[in-house]
Protein backbone atom coordinates (compact mmCIF):
# COMPACT_ATOMS: atom_id res chain seq x y z
CA MET A 1 0.00 -0.03 0.09
CA LYS A 2 1.38 3.36 -0.94
CA LYS A 3 1.58 5.97 1.72
CA LEU A 4 1.72 9.72 1.13
CA PHE A 5 2.90 12.14 3.79
CA LEU A 6 2.93 15.86 3.76
CA ILE A 7 5.43 17.34 6.32
CA PHE A 8 5.91 20.84 7.36
CA ILE A 9 9.43 21.65 8.28
CA PHE A 10 10.47 24.85 9.92
CA THR A 11 14.13 25.72 9.41
CA LEU A 12 15.40 27.03 12.74
CA LEU A 13 18.46 29.13 13.31
CA SER A 14 20.20 28.58 16.54
CA LYS A 15 22.26 31.54 17.76
CA ASN A 16 24.98 29.17 18.63
CA GLY A 17 24.42 26.75 15.72
CA PHE A 18 26.90 28.34 13.37
CA SER A 19 29.05 31.41 12.96
CA GLN A 20 28.98 33.91 10.13
CA PHE A 21 32.52 35.03 10.67
CA THR A 22 34.53 34.37 7.64
CA GLU A 23 38.05 34.60 9.15
CA PHE A 24 39.68 34.45 12.46
CA HIS A 25 42.52 36.41 13.91
CA PRO A 26 43.54 34.71 17.17
CA GLU A 27 46.61 36.91 17.40
CA LEU A 28 44.39 39.92 18.20
CA ASP A 29 42.92 40.92 21.57
CA TRP A 30 39.23 41.91 21.37
CA PHE A 31 37.37 44.43 23.56
CA THR A 32 33.76 45.76 23.84
CA ILE A 33 32.16 49.15 24.25
CA LYS A 34 28.62 49.14 25.46
CA GLY A 35 26.26 51.92 24.28
CA GLU A 36 22.59 52.59 24.92
CA HIS A 37 21.30 50.32 22.26
CA VAL A 38 24.49 48.70 20.78
CA GLU A 39 27.63 46.78 21.77
CA VAL A 40 30.84 47.59 19.67
CA HIS A 41 33.47 44.77 19.47
CA TYR A 42 36.93 45.91 18.33
CA HIS A 43 40.58 44.65 18.27
CA ASN A 44 43.53 46.34 19.73
CA GLY A 45 44.36 49.49 17.72
CA ALA A 46 40.87 50.26 16.74
CA GLU A 47 39.53 51.76 20.04
CA ARG A 48 39.09 55.39 18.68
CA THR A 49 37.15 54.13 15.66
CA ALA A 50 35.04 51.91 17.86
CA LYS A 51 34.15 54.92 20.11
CA VAL A 52 33.02 56.90 17.05
CA ILE A 53 31.00 53.90 15.80
CA ALA A 54 29.19 53.55 19.19
CA LYS A 55 28.30 57.25 19.16
CA ILE A 56 26.92 57.24 15.64
CA ALA A 57 24.94 53.97 16.13
CA ASP A 58 23.14 55.30 19.15
CA GLU A 59 22.40 58.58 17.23
CA VAL A 60 20.88 56.95 14.20
CA TRP A 61 18.91 54.37 16.28
CA ASP A 62 15.72 56.38 16.85
CA PRO A 63 15.38 57.96 13.41
CA ILE A 64 15.67 54.73 11.54
CA CYS A 65 13.57 52.82 14.01
CA SER A 66 10.79 55.35 13.96
CA LEU A 67 10.64 55.41 10.28
CA TYR A 68 9.92 51.60 10.10
CA ASP A 69 7.99 51.42 13.45
CA TYR A 70 10.29 48.58 14.47
CA GLU A 71 12.96 48.33 17.10
CA PRO A 72 15.47 45.38 17.12
CA THR A 73 17.04 44.00 20.27
CA LYS A 74 20.64 45.01 21.01
CA VAL A 75 22.80 45.15 17.88
CA HIS A 76 26.40 44.02 17.85
CA TYR A 77 28.89 45.92 15.70
CA VAL A 78 32.25 44.20 14.79
CA VAL A 79 34.85 46.69 13.82
CA LYS A 80 37.68 45.43 11.53
CA ASP A 81 40.77 47.52 10.70
CA ILE A 82 42.93 44.58 9.56
CA ASP A 83 42.93 44.79 5.80
CA ASP A 84 43.04 47.54 3.15
CA TYR A 85 39.43 46.94 2.41
CA SER A 86 36.29 48.99 2.67
CA ASN A 87 32.80 47.52 3.28
CA GLY A 88 29.95 46.92 5.62
CA ALA A 89 27.92 43.75 6.12
CA THR A 90 24.57 43.17 7.95
CA TYR A 91 23.69 39.73 9.34
CA PHE A 92 20.01 40.51 10.08
CA PHE A 93 19.30 37.04 11.46
CA ASP A 94 21.98 37.54 13.98
CA ASN A 95 21.68 41.25 14.90
CA LYS A 96 25.21 41.73 13.85
CA ILE A 97 26.87 44.38 11.68
CA GLU A 98 30.56 44.15 10.48
CA ILE A 99 32.27 47.42 9.61
CA TRP A 100 35.60 47.68 7.79
CA THR A 101 36.98 50.96 8.72
CA SER A 102 38.83 52.02 5.65
CA ALA A 103 36.95 54.72 3.75
CA LEU A 104 35.05 53.88 0.49
CA ASP A 105 36.00 56.50 -1.88
CA PHE A 106 35.57 55.49 -5.54
CA ASP A 107 34.38 57.06 -8.77
CA LEU A 108 30.92 55.60 -8.99
CA ARG A 109 29.75 57.11 -5.73
CA GLY A 110 31.85 60.03 -4.88
CA THR A 111 33.09 61.05 -1.44
CA HIS A 112 31.05 60.74 1.77
CA ASN A 113 31.59 60.68 5.54
CA TRP A 114 32.40 56.99 5.54
CA LEU A 115 31.48 55.89 9.13
CA ARG A 116 28.18 57.79 9.27
CA ASN A 117 27.28 56.58 5.81
CA VAL A 118 28.09 52.86 6.27
CA ILE A 119 26.63 52.71 9.88
CA SER A 120 23.37 54.36 8.77
CA HIS A 121 23.28 52.16 5.67
CA GLU A 122 23.74 48.85 7.42
CA PHE A 123 21.54 49.73 10.34
CA THR A 124 18.72 50.63 7.89
CA HIS A 125 19.24 47.14 6.29
CA LEU A 126 18.93 45.46 9.60
CA VAL A 127 15.67 47.38 10.72
CA GLN A 128 13.96 47.45 7.33
CA ILE A 129 14.63 43.69 6.66
CA GLN A 130 13.69 42.58 10.09
CA ALA A 131 10.43 44.60 9.91
CA ALA A 132 9.67 42.88 6.60
CA MET A 133 10.03 39.30 7.99
CA LYS A 134 6.98 37.20 8.02
CA LEU A 135 8.01 35.15 11.07
CA SER A 136 10.72 35.61 13.68
CA ARG A 137 14.56 35.85 13.09
CA SER A 138 14.86 32.15 14.10
CA ILE A 139 12.75 30.94 11.17
CA PRO A 140 14.10 32.06 7.80
CA ALA A 141 12.18 29.53 5.74
CA VAL A 142 9.47 27.01 5.86
CA PHE A 143 9.71 23.74 3.80
CA LEU A 144 6.67 21.80 2.51
CA GLN A 145 7.81 18.30 2.07
CA MET A 146 5.97 15.39 0.47
CA ILE A 147 7.13 11.85 0.78
CA ASN A 148 5.78 8.80 -1.10
CA TYR A 149 6.57 5.15 -0.36
CA GLN A 150 6.40 2.12 -2.59
CA GLU A 151 4.18 -0.78 -1.48
CA GLU A 152 5.59 -3.04 1.21
CA ARG A 153 7.01 -6.30 -0.23
CA ARG A 154 7.43 -8.12 3.07
CA PRO A 155 5.09 -8.26 6.04
CA ASP A 156 7.74 -7.27 8.55
CA LEU A 157 8.26 -3.84 6.95
CA LEU A 158 6.28 -0.82 8.06
CA TYR A 159 6.88 1.10 4.89
CA GLY A 160 8.17 0.32 1.38
CA TYR A 161 11.24 1.91 -0.12
CA PRO A 162 10.85 5.69 -0.55
CA ASN A 163 9.62 6.34 -3.98
CA TYR A 164 10.15 10.18 -4.06
CA VAL A 165 10.59 13.09 -1.93
CA ILE A 166 9.52 16.61 -2.95
CA SER A 167 10.59 19.71 -0.96
CA TYR A 168 9.19 23.08 -1.61
CA PRO A 169 10.92 25.98 0.29
CA ILE A 170 8.84 29.10 1.31
CA ALA A 171 11.00 31.98 2.27
CA THR A 172 9.71 34.16 5.10
CA LEU A 173 11.72 37.05 3.63
CA ASN A 174 10.86 38.54 0.27
CA VAL A 175 12.72 41.95 -0.12
CA PRO A 176 13.98 42.49 -3.62
CA ALA A 177 17.63 43.75 -3.86
CA TRP A 178 16.62 47.14 -5.35
CA PHE A 179 14.24 47.96 -2.51
CA ALA A 180 16.64 46.77 0.23
CA GLU A 181 19.53 48.75 -1.20
CA GLY A 182 17.36 51.70 -2.15
CA THR A 183 16.02 52.28 1.35
CA ALA A 184 19.47 51.62 2.85
CA GLN A 185 20.97 54.46 0.65
CA TYR A 186 17.89 56.71 1.20
CA MET A 187 18.10 56.19 5.06
CA ARG A 188 16.06 59.16 6.25
CA GLN A 189 15.15 62.43 4.54
CA GLU A 190 17.03 64.51 7.16
CA PHE A 191 20.21 62.41 6.92
CA ASP A 192 23.00 63.78 4.66
CA TYR A 193 25.34 60.83 4.76
CA ASP A 194 24.62 59.46 1.32
CA ASN A 195 23.20 61.44 -1.62
CA TRP A 196 22.02 61.14 -5.16
CA ASP A 197 25.16 62.66 -6.74
CA ALA A 198 26.38 63.31 -10.27
CA HIS A 199 28.17 59.94 -10.33
CA ARG A 200 25.01 58.00 -9.79
CA ASP A 201 22.99 60.22 -12.10
CA MET A 202 25.66 59.78 -14.88
CA ILE A 203 25.43 56.05 -14.67
CA LEU A 204 21.66 55.88 -14.88
CA ARG A 205 21.57 58.40 -17.64
CA SER A 206 24.13 56.34 -19.65
CA TYR A 207 22.04 53.24 -19.22
CA VAL A 208 18.84 55.09 -20.40
CA LEU A 209 20.54 56.56 -23.42
CA ASP A 210 21.99 53.17 -24.41
CA GLY A 211 18.68 51.49 -23.89
CA ASN A 212 20.19 49.12 -21.28
CA MET A 213 18.06 49.92 -18.23
CA LEU A 214 17.63 47.09 -15.79
CA THR A 215 14.15 45.52 -16.09
CA TRP A 216 11.82 45.23 -13.16
CA ASN A 217 12.90 41.67 -12.48
CA GLU A 218 16.63 42.35 -13.01
CA MET A 219 16.55 45.05 -10.38
CA GLY A 220 15.42 42.40 -7.81
CA VAL A 221 18.67 40.39 -7.80
CA PHE A 222 22.36 40.67 -7.99
CA GLY A 223 24.65 38.11 -9.75
CA LYS A 224 25.62 40.55 -12.58
CA THR A 225 28.97 42.29 -13.50
CA SER A 226 30.33 44.81 -11.05
CA LEU A 227 28.76 47.66 -12.89
CA GLY A 228 25.57 45.68 -13.29
CA ASN A 229 25.43 45.04 -9.46
CA GLU A 230 26.08 48.84 -8.93
CA SER A 231 23.22 49.67 -11.07
CA VAL A 232 20.92 47.72 -8.81
CA TYR A 233 21.98 50.12 -6.10
CA ASN A 234 21.46 53.05 -8.45
CA SER A 235 18.13 51.90 -9.76
CA GLY A 236 16.86 51.21 -6.18
CA PHE A 237 18.08 54.50 -4.85
CA ALA A 238 16.30 56.42 -7.68
CA LEU A 239 13.04 54.62 -7.32
CA THR A 240 12.98 54.75 -3.54
CA ARG A 241 13.70 58.46 -3.62
CA TYR A 242 10.92 58.83 -6.12
CA ILE A 243 8.45 57.12 -3.80
CA ALA A 244 9.52 58.89 -0.63
CA GLN A 245 9.52 62.25 -2.35
CA GLN A 246 6.17 61.95 -4.15
CA TYR A 247 4.24 59.96 -1.65
CA GLY A 248 5.97 60.42 1.67
CA GLU A 249 8.52 58.41 3.63
CA ASP A 250 5.69 56.65 5.48
CA LYS A 251 5.03 54.66 2.26
CA LEU A 252 8.45 53.02 2.71
CA ARG A 253 7.21 51.66 6.02
CA GLU A 254 3.87 50.58 4.65
CA ILE A 255 5.56 48.72 1.80
CA THR A 256 7.90 47.06 4.31
CA LYS A 257 4.93 46.02 6.54
CA LYS A 258 3.03 44.61 3.58
CA LEU A 259 6.09 42.49 2.53
CA GLY A 260 5.87 41.00 6.02
CA LYS A 261 2.25 39.77 5.60
CA LEU A 262 2.04 35.92 5.11
CA GLY A 263 0.04 36.24 1.85
CA ASN A 264 2.50 38.64 0.08
CA PHE A 265 5.42 37.02 -1.62
CA THR A 266 6.33 39.73 -4.15
CA ILE A 267 7.04 43.42 -4.10
CA ASP A 268 4.21 43.65 -6.72
CA ALA A 269 1.74 42.46 -4.20
CA ALA A 270 3.00 44.80 -1.41
CA PHE A 271 2.82 47.74 -3.80
CA SER A 272 -0.66 46.83 -4.99
CA VAL A 273 -1.98 46.65 -1.46
CA THR A 274 -0.15 49.64 -0.13
CA LEU A 275 -0.09 52.25 -2.89
CA LEU A 276 -2.57 50.95 -5.46
CA LEU A 277 0.37 51.98 -7.55
CA MET A 278 1.97 48.91 -8.96
CA ARG A 279 0.84 49.45 -12.60
CA HIS A 280 1.83 53.06 -12.54
CA LEU A 281 5.09 52.49 -10.90
CA LYS A 282 6.24 49.74 -13.33
CA MET A 283 5.06 51.92 -16.22
CA PHE A 284 7.11 54.78 -14.89
CA TRP A 285 10.16 52.69 -14.56
CA GLU A 286 9.96 50.53 -17.68
CA LYS A 287 8.21 52.85 -20.24
CA MET A 288 8.92 56.37 -19.17
CA GLU A 289 12.49 56.33 -17.95
CA MET A 290 13.94 58.20 -20.96
CA LYS A 291 11.79 61.27 -20.65
CA PHE A 292 12.01 61.18 -16.84
CA ILE A 293 15.78 61.05 -16.81
CA VAL A 294 16.38 63.58 -19.66
CA ASN A 295 13.48 65.91 -18.98
CA GLY A 296 12.60 64.95 -15.46
CA LYS A 297 9.96 67.42 -14.38
CA VAL A 298 7.66 66.85 -17.32
CA ILE A 299 7.21 63.20 -16.77
CA LEU A 300 7.07 63.58 -13.02
CA LEU A 301 4.04 65.81 -13.37
CA LYS A 302 2.34 63.30 -15.75
CA ILE A 303 2.76 60.36 -13.39
CA THR A 304 1.79 62.51 -10.29
CA GLN A 305 -1.45 63.61 -12.04
CA ASN A 306 -2.33 60.03 -12.97
CA VAL A 307 -2.16 58.65 -9.37
CA ARG A 308 -2.84 61.69 -7.19
CA LYS A 309 -6.57 61.05 -6.71
CA LYS A 310 -5.93 57.36 -5.70
CA LEU A 311 -3.19 58.37 -3.27
CA ASN A 312 -5.33 60.92 -1.62
CA ARG A 313 -7.82 58.12 -0.71
CA ILE A 314 -5.18 56.00 0.99
């Protein structure tokens, strides 16, 4: 007799189950500074930078948390001044942010206050992505698994040989790359740590004039060339700024909250529920980008007029 089982499997993350550190430096001594909301872990020689990071991290806490109406538990910053390398990384399941202290100053983004920029960027990632989670930080995915067994060939066997096993993962986090990076670069309106500068504008204009704009789906993932991945950042920043400036920062929170609903698995669904704007927004990005980029205000007015009545009713 064939038997069919449907199994729900919750993938759990144990805080001590595995580590996301990619390298170890046992020769270094590590210390900790405790702030109001954060703890900053640093190695010998990086104390001054760690104190600055602790100060900035506590300062940006309330503005970012208030925007998304979400406050995480204590966040741990790990300061690295070991390599000639510049970056930041957010481990939102672990409440951990790694900061490489060398300033990022390259042609595609211009010059910024590095520590204020990277801390605000990474902390926005942590808050916005956790606010968009459908379940807790300990459950990143749910698996639906179906198992089928062959008929028993001997009376002393409970089940026959497994015939097939089908697993279907359902992610509890569905934030596309362009929205995650767009909100992280936008941060808050009053912040002046990252800006839409001439470098970003030049890259986006070049894509438009060459007819190589990223499509709606291409904006949602990385895995491109270095310039292609950078264009995910640029596209997300441009579109996030457009939403915030035209419809208010609160729409970023509403979209994020809708992404956290169990029934929404795409940004399209979150937009449709939140702004009633999905069709107009995609049309703006995919059909009208040339006129918007080259003659910005003309298209901006057209789109605003098309959706103003609907937005006033939200």
